[in-house]
Amino acid sequence: MIIDAAPTSLKGKTALVTGANGGIGKATAEHFSKLGARVLATDIGHKFNGDCEATYLQIDLGTKNGLQLTKKWIEKETPQILFNNAAIFDMGSILEASIEQMEKIFSVNVKAMYYLMQSCSNSLLKNKKKGSIINLSSQAGHRGESLVAHYCASKAAVISYTQSAALALAPYNIRVNAISPGVVDTPMWKTVDKLFAKFEGKKIGQKKKEVGEAVPLGYMAQPNDIARVAVFLASEQSNYITAQTINVDGGSVLRM
């Protein structure tokens, strides 16, 4: 029996990674490059800090100008892979979280995600290319949390838009999936940990220790754990997968 094993190689493909200087974005850009993709990277920092070759643009996706600049870049390059990773985080219950906080979070986590997904899809259609769009959600998108109202809602929106886009784009061989990480040991967790310390009266580092130990596997994920799933969704290994949200959470989904 001959097994037709699909390759994980991304050679000959162009991949756009947003939030490319964060832990997950950086790791994914490096994985894509290692497997042969030409990487386009964007973030709000002055330069790309990944350990791979990438064409980098400093862009703030929370602004109208940033969105338009990225759209023009997409129209020029027509990436076959979009890793929609850029996101921001803040905390506050319904009693405290302001409309201004909601607008800021949704401007990046939802509006920019949707805008880039739409721009990439239109570019692929125009150039008659198939592609893979990967949106980053979160375990927070599966259920609400008392202190993380706006963030949870934004990540739930990512899952919903992923499903709708997948159905609309399936006839054109453009697959759309989401990754839903649990707790991941990234630089962003320093901010998250400080916020929990503020709102829950915990010591710095205590919340991070608690959430890591609560994972069924017993520890937090590393960025590479998420990047490997992004590679799978970007490659021919996942050619028959669309409209899915893949949980990469060490089993935490069973404890929600």
Protein backbone atom coordinates (compact mmCIF):
# COMPACT_ATOMS: atom_id res chain seq x y z
CA MET A 1 0.00 0.00 0.00
CA ILE A 2 1.38 3.41 -1.02
CA ILE A 3 0.62 6.22 1.41
CA ASP A 4 0.33 9.67 -0.13
CA ALA A 5 1.80 11.72 2.71
CA ALA A 6 1.08 15.40 2.22
CA PRO A 7 4.08 17.69 2.74
CA THR A 8 4.44 20.28 5.46
CA SER A 9 6.76 22.28 3.23
CA LEU A 10 5.67 25.88 2.61
CA LYS A 11 8.21 26.46 -0.14
CA GLY A 12 6.96 28.82 -2.84
CA LYS A 13 4.32 30.37 -0.57
CA THR A 14 4.12 33.83 0.93
CA ALA A 15 2.91 34.15 4.51
CA LEU A 16 1.78 37.30 6.30
CA VAL A 17 2.14 37.23 10.09
CA THR A 18 0.64 40.02 12.19
CA GLY A 19 1.74 40.66 15.76
CA ALA A 20 5.03 39.16 14.60
CA ASN A 21 7.12 40.39 17.52
CA GLY A 22 4.99 38.70 20.19
CA GLY A 23 5.76 35.22 21.45
CA ILE A 24 3.31 33.32 19.24
CA GLY A 25 3.71 35.56 16.19
CA LYS A 26 7.50 35.45 16.37
CA ALA A 27 7.58 31.66 16.75
CA THR A 28 5.13 31.19 13.87
CA ALA A 29 7.06 33.49 11.54
CA GLU A 30 10.21 31.50 12.33
CA HIS A 31 8.47 28.17 11.68
CA PHE A 32 6.99 29.39 8.39
CA SER A 33 10.40 30.62 7.25
CA LYS A 34 12.13 27.41 8.29
CA LEU A 35 9.69 25.45 6.12
CA GLY A 36 10.38 27.58 3.07
CA ALA A 37 7.79 30.35 3.12
CA ARG A 38 8.61 33.94 2.27
CA VAL A 39 7.55 35.78 5.39
CA LEU A 40 5.92 39.19 5.56
CA ALA A 41 5.79 40.42 9.14
CA THR A 42 4.13 43.34 10.85
CA ASP A 43 3.88 44.71 14.38
CA ILE A 44 3.97 48.06 16.18
CA GLY A 45 7.70 47.83 17.03
CA HIS A 46 10.43 49.57 15.08
CA LYS A 47 11.98 46.35 13.81
CA PHE A 48 11.34 42.61 13.56
CA ASN A 49 12.97 40.62 16.38
CA GLY A 50 12.46 37.15 14.93
CA ASP A 51 15.30 34.75 14.18
CA CYS A 52 14.52 34.43 10.48
CA GLU A 53 14.42 36.42 7.27
CA ALA A 54 11.30 38.52 6.89
CA THR A 55 10.11 41.62 5.10
CA TYR A 56 8.92 43.79 7.96
CA LEU A 57 6.61 46.78 8.15
CA GLN A 58 5.92 48.71 11.34
CA ILE A 59 2.14 49.05 11.39
CA ASP A 60 -0.44 49.87 14.05
CA LEU A 61 -3.48 47.81 13.11
CA GLY A 62 -5.57 49.77 15.57
CA THR A 63 -5.56 52.76 13.22
CA LYS A 64 -7.32 53.43 9.92
CA ASN A 65 -4.01 54.30 8.27
CA GLY A 66 -2.47 51.05 9.50
CA LEU A 67 -5.30 48.99 8.04
CA GLN A 68 -5.12 50.74 4.68
CA LEU A 69 -1.34 50.32 4.53
CA THR A 70 -1.64 46.60 5.24
CA LYS A 71 -4.37 46.23 2.62
CA LYS A 72 -2.12 47.79 -0.02
CA TRP A 73 0.68 45.44 1.03
CA ILE A 74 -1.63 42.45 0.71
CA GLU A 75 -2.82 43.59 -2.72
CA LYS A 76 0.80 43.85 -3.85
CA GLU A 77 2.08 40.56 -2.39
CA THR A 78 -1.04 38.30 -2.37
CA PRO A 79 -0.01 36.07 0.56
CA GLN A 80 -1.40 32.54 0.34
CA ILE A 81 -1.10 32.24 4.12
CA LEU A 82 -2.44 34.76 6.61
CA PHE A 83 -1.70 34.30 10.30
CA ASN A 84 -4.08 36.81 11.89
CA ASN A 85 -2.36 36.97 15.26
CA ALA A 86 -2.22 40.61 16.39
CA ALA A 87 -4.24 41.24 19.56
CA ILE A 88 -4.33 43.36 22.68
CA PHE A 89 -5.48 42.54 26.21
CA ASP A 90 -7.00 44.44 29.10
CA MET A 91 -9.13 43.64 32.11
CA GLY A 92 -12.23 44.86 33.86
CA SER A 93 -15.62 43.46 34.84
CA ILE A 94 -18.92 44.67 33.42
CA LEU A 95 -18.99 47.08 36.36
CA GLU A 96 -15.65 48.60 35.39
CA ALA A 97 -14.70 47.91 31.77
CA SER A 98 -15.42 51.03 29.76
CA ILE A 99 -16.73 51.50 26.24
CA GLU A 100 -13.36 53.05 25.41
CA GLN A 101 -11.62 49.86 26.52
CA MET A 102 -14.03 47.79 24.44
CA GLU A 103 -13.44 49.91 21.34
CA LYS A 104 -9.67 49.64 21.72
CA ILE A 105 -9.71 45.86 22.14
CA PHE A 106 -12.22 45.28 19.34
CA SER A 107 -10.34 47.61 16.97
CA VAL A 108 -7.41 45.18 16.86
CA ASN A 109 -8.81 41.80 17.94
CA VAL A 110 -11.90 41.92 15.72
CA LYS A 111 -11.95 44.84 13.28
CA ALA A 112 -8.36 44.44 12.09
CA MET A 113 -8.69 40.65 12.01
CA TYR A 114 -11.78 40.91 9.81
CA TYR A 115 -10.33 43.63 7.58
CA LEU A 116 -7.16 41.67 6.85
CA MET A 117 -9.09 38.44 6.30
CA GLN A 118 -11.31 40.23 3.79
CA SER A 119 -8.36 41.94 2.07
CA CYS A 120 -6.42 38.70 1.77
CA SER A 121 -9.46 36.80 0.46
CA ASN A 122 -10.15 39.39 -2.23
CA SER A 123 -6.52 39.39 -3.30
CA LEU A 124 -6.48 35.60 -3.57
CA LEU A 125 -9.70 35.60 -5.60
CA LYS A 126 -8.43 38.31 -7.93
CA ASN A 127 -5.24 36.35 -8.58
CA LYS A 128 -7.03 32.98 -8.72
CA LYS A 129 -5.00 31.45 -5.91
CA LYS A 130 -6.05 29.17 -3.09
CA GLY A 131 -4.99 29.95 0.42
CA SER A 132 -5.15 29.31 4.13
CA ILE A 133 -6.28 31.94 6.65
CA ILE A 134 -5.51 31.22 10.30
CA ASN A 135 -7.10 33.42 12.94
CA LEU A 136 -5.90 33.41 16.52
CA SER A 137 -8.69 33.03 19.05
CA SER A 138 -8.25 31.92 22.67
CA GLN A 139 -9.78 29.66 25.28
CA ALA A 140 -11.30 32.96 26.45
CA GLY A 141 -13.41 32.89 23.29
CA HIS A 142 -15.27 29.80 24.51
CA ARG A 143 -16.66 31.25 27.73
CA GLY A 144 -16.88 34.49 29.62
CA GLU A 145 -14.68 35.50 32.55
CA SER A 146 -15.75 37.95 35.21
CA LEU A 147 -12.70 40.20 34.82
CA VAL A 148 -12.05 39.78 31.11
CA ALA A 149 -15.39 40.73 29.53
CA HIS A 150 -14.24 42.61 26.42
CA TYR A 151 -11.33 40.31 25.63
CA CYS A 152 -13.47 37.18 25.90
CA ALA A 153 -16.11 38.71 23.64
CA SER A 154 -13.50 39.72 21.08
CA LYS A 155 -12.09 36.20 20.91
CA ALA A 156 -15.59 34.70 20.62
CA ALA A 157 -16.11 37.00 17.64
CA VAL A 158 -12.95 35.60 16.05
CA ILE A 159 -14.42 32.10 16.18
CA SER A 160 -17.72 33.24 14.68
CA TYR A 161 -16.10 35.20 11.86
CA THR A 162 -13.83 32.23 11.14
CA GLN A 163 -16.84 29.95 10.65
CA SER A 164 -18.72 32.44 8.45
CA ALA A 165 -15.68 33.20 6.32
CA ALA A 166 -14.89 29.52 5.88
CA LEU A 167 -18.36 28.83 4.49
CA ALA A 168 -18.23 31.83 2.16
CA LEU A 169 -14.74 31.06 0.85
CA ALA A 170 -14.87 27.26 0.59
CA PRO A 171 -16.03 27.36 -3.09
CA TYR A 172 -12.83 29.27 -3.92
CA ASN A 173 -10.43 26.86 -2.18
CA ILE A 174 -9.62 29.34 0.56
CA ARG A 175 -9.63 27.60 3.91
CA VAL A 176 -10.28 29.52 7.13
CA ASN A 177 -9.55 28.10 10.57
CA ALA A 178 -8.79 29.37 14.04
CA ILE A 179 -6.40 28.33 16.78
CA SER A 180 -7.59 28.60 20.36
CA PRO A 181 -4.62 28.54 22.73
CA GLY A 182 -4.96 28.10 26.45
CA VAL A 183 -2.37 29.78 28.65
CA VAL A 184 0.87 30.40 26.78
CA ASP A 185 4.15 31.53 28.33
CA THR A 186 4.74 34.68 26.30
CA PRO A 187 6.01 38.18 27.18
CA MET A 188 2.36 39.29 27.20
CA TRP A 189 1.84 37.25 30.37
CA LYS A 190 3.87 39.78 32.35
CA THR A 191 1.14 42.32 31.64
CA VAL A 192 -1.64 39.80 32.26
CA ASP A 193 -0.08 38.69 35.54
CA LYS A 194 0.24 42.29 36.79
CA LEU A 195 -3.40 42.96 35.96
CA PHE A 196 -4.56 39.88 37.85
CA ALA A 197 -2.36 40.93 40.77
CA LYS A 198 -4.12 44.30 40.73
CA PHE A 199 -7.68 43.04 40.40
CA GLU A 200 -7.41 39.88 42.55
CA GLY A 201 -4.93 41.09 45.16
CA LYS A 202 -2.36 38.44 44.25
CA LYS A 203 1.41 38.58 44.38
CA ILE A 204 3.27 39.07 41.10
CA GLY A 205 3.80 35.64 39.55
CA GLN A 206 1.12 33.94 41.62
CA LYS A 207 -1.59 33.92 38.92
CA LYS A 208 0.82 32.61 36.30
CA LYS A 209 1.83 29.77 38.61
CA GLU A 210 -1.81 28.95 39.38
CA VAL A 211 -3.02 28.83 35.78
CA GLY A 212 -0.05 26.72 34.70
CA GLU A 213 -0.68 24.16 37.43
CA ALA A 214 -4.41 24.07 36.58
CA VAL A 215 -3.74 22.82 33.04
CA PRO A 216 -4.36 19.04 32.85
CA LEU A 217 -0.88 18.54 31.38
CA GLY A 218 0.45 20.55 34.31
CA TYR A 219 2.23 23.43 32.59
CA MET A 220 1.75 26.42 30.29
CA ALA A 221 2.24 26.09 26.56
CA GLN A 222 5.24 27.55 24.80
CA PRO A 223 4.86 29.68 21.63
CA ASN A 224 6.29 26.84 19.54
CA ASP A 225 3.34 24.65 20.55
CA ILE A 226 1.01 27.08 18.81
CA ALA A 227 3.33 27.67 15.86
CA ARG A 228 3.39 23.96 15.02
CA VAL A 229 -0.39 23.90 14.70
CA ALA A 230 -0.23 27.02 12.51
CA VAL A 231 2.19 25.16 10.24
CA PHE A 232 -0.22 22.24 10.02
CA LEU A 233 -3.11 24.53 9.05
CA ALA A 234 -0.97 26.41 6.53
CA SER A 235 0.35 23.28 4.81
CA GLU A 236 -1.15 20.60 2.59
CA GLN A 237 -1.46 18.38 5.67
CA SER A 238 -4.76 20.13 6.41
CA ASN A 239 -6.20 20.45 2.91
CA TYR A 240 -9.61 19.09 3.98
CA ILE A 241 -9.91 21.17 7.14
CA THR A 242 -11.84 24.41 7.22
CA ALA A 243 -14.25 26.25 9.57
CA GLN A 244 -12.57 24.66 12.60
CA THR A 245 -11.24 26.08 15.84
CA ILE A 246 -8.42 23.91 17.13
CA ASN A 247 -7.85 23.99 20.88
CA VAL A 248 -4.17 23.96 21.84
CA ASP A 249 -4.59 24.14 25.58
CA GLY A 250 -3.15 21.07 27.26
CA GLY A 251 -6.67 19.74 27.92
CA SER A 252 -8.00 22.89 29.62
CA VAL A 253 -11.10 22.83 27.42
CA LEU A 254 -12.41 19.97 29.59
CA ARG A 255 -12.17 22.09 32.73
CA MET A 256 -14.13 25.10 31.50
